[in-house]
Amino acid sequence: MYRRSVFVGEPCRRSVMHGIIYIVGLIVVVLAILSFFGVR
């Protein structure tokens, strides 16, 4: 029973991590573009 709950909860945590990584990457790209246009 415990093993099943852990097994079911694993994909959810993984998708959340992917979402956080995607958001952080998006913010980094936006900041890079803003700084690039700020220099020019």
C-alpha atoms as a PDB file:
ATOM      1  CA  MET A   1       0.000   0.000   0.000  1.00  0.00           C
ATOM      2  CA  TYR A   2       2.788   2.433   0.919  1.00  0.00           C
ATOM      3  CA  ARG A   3       4.806   1.416  -2.117  1.00  0.00           C
ATOM      4  CA  ARG A   4       1.811   2.020  -4.402  1.00  0.00           C
ATOM      5  CA  SER A   5       1.254   5.551  -3.057  1.00  0.00           C
ATOM      6  CA  VAL A   6       4.938   6.393  -3.599  1.00  0.00           C
ATOM      7  CA  PHE A   7       4.786   4.931  -7.112  1.00  0.00           C
ATOM      8  CA  VAL A   8       1.715   7.012  -7.969  1.00  0.00           C
ATOM      9  CA  GLY A   9       3.168  10.191  -6.463  1.00  0.00           C
ATOM     10  CA  GLU A  10       6.419   9.947  -8.458  1.00  0.00           C
ATOM     11  CA  PRO A  11       5.183  11.182 -11.894  1.00  0.00           C
ATOM     12  CA  CYS A  12       3.393  14.137 -10.282  1.00  0.00           C
ATOM     13  CA  ARG A  13       6.576  15.311  -8.543  1.00  0.00           C
ATOM     14  CA  ARG A  14       8.548  14.814 -11.758  1.00  0.00           C
ATOM     15  CA  SER A  15       6.090  16.924 -13.790  1.00  0.00           C
ATOM     16  CA  VAL A  16       6.251  19.660 -11.137  1.00  0.00           C
ATOM     17  CA  MET A  17      10.068  19.665 -11.343  1.00  0.00           C
ATOM     18  CA  HIS A  18       9.885  19.902 -15.148  1.00  0.00           C
ATOM     19  CA  GLY A  19       7.474  22.828 -14.810  1.00  0.00           C
ATOM     20  CA  ILE A  20       9.799  24.654 -12.419  1.00  0.00           C
ATOM     21  CA  ILE A  21      12.803  24.049 -14.689  1.00  0.00           C
ATOM     22  CA  TYR A  22      10.768  25.276 -17.702  1.00  0.00           C
ATOM     23  CA  ILE A  23       9.682  28.452 -15.890  1.00  0.00           C
ATOM     24  CA  VAL A  24      13.230  29.179 -14.654  1.00  0.00           C
ATOM     25  CA  GLY A  25      14.627  28.637 -18.160  1.00  0.00           C
ATOM     26  CA  LEU A  26      11.983  30.945 -19.609  1.00  0.00           C
ATOM     27  CA  ILE A  27      12.829  33.682 -17.087  1.00  0.00           C
ATOM     28  CA  VAL A  28      16.557  33.333 -17.850  1.00  0.00           C
ATOM     29  CA  VAL A  29      15.888  33.671 -21.597  1.00  0.00           C
ATOM     30  CA  VAL A  30      13.686  36.748 -21.071  1.00  0.00           C
ATOM     31  CA  LEU A  31      16.316  38.372 -18.833  1.00  0.00           C
ATOM     32  CA  ALA A  32      19.032  37.607 -21.401  1.00  0.00           C
ATOM     33  CA  ILE A  33      16.961  39.231 -24.176  1.00  0.00           C
ATOM     34  CA  LEU A  34      16.183  42.284 -22.034  1.00  0.00           C
ATOM     35  CA  SER A  35      19.850  42.714 -21.068  1.00  0.00           C
ATOM     36  CA  PHE A  36      20.867  42.263 -24.732  1.00  0.00           C
ATOM     37  CA  PHE A  37      18.474  45.009 -25.859  1.00  0.00           C
ATOM     38  CA  GLY A  38      19.490  47.109 -22.843  1.00  0.00           C
ATOM     39  CA  VAL A  39      23.149  47.048 -23.955  1.00  0.00           C
ATOM     40  CA  ARG A  40      22.105  48.091 -27.455  1.00  0.00           C
END
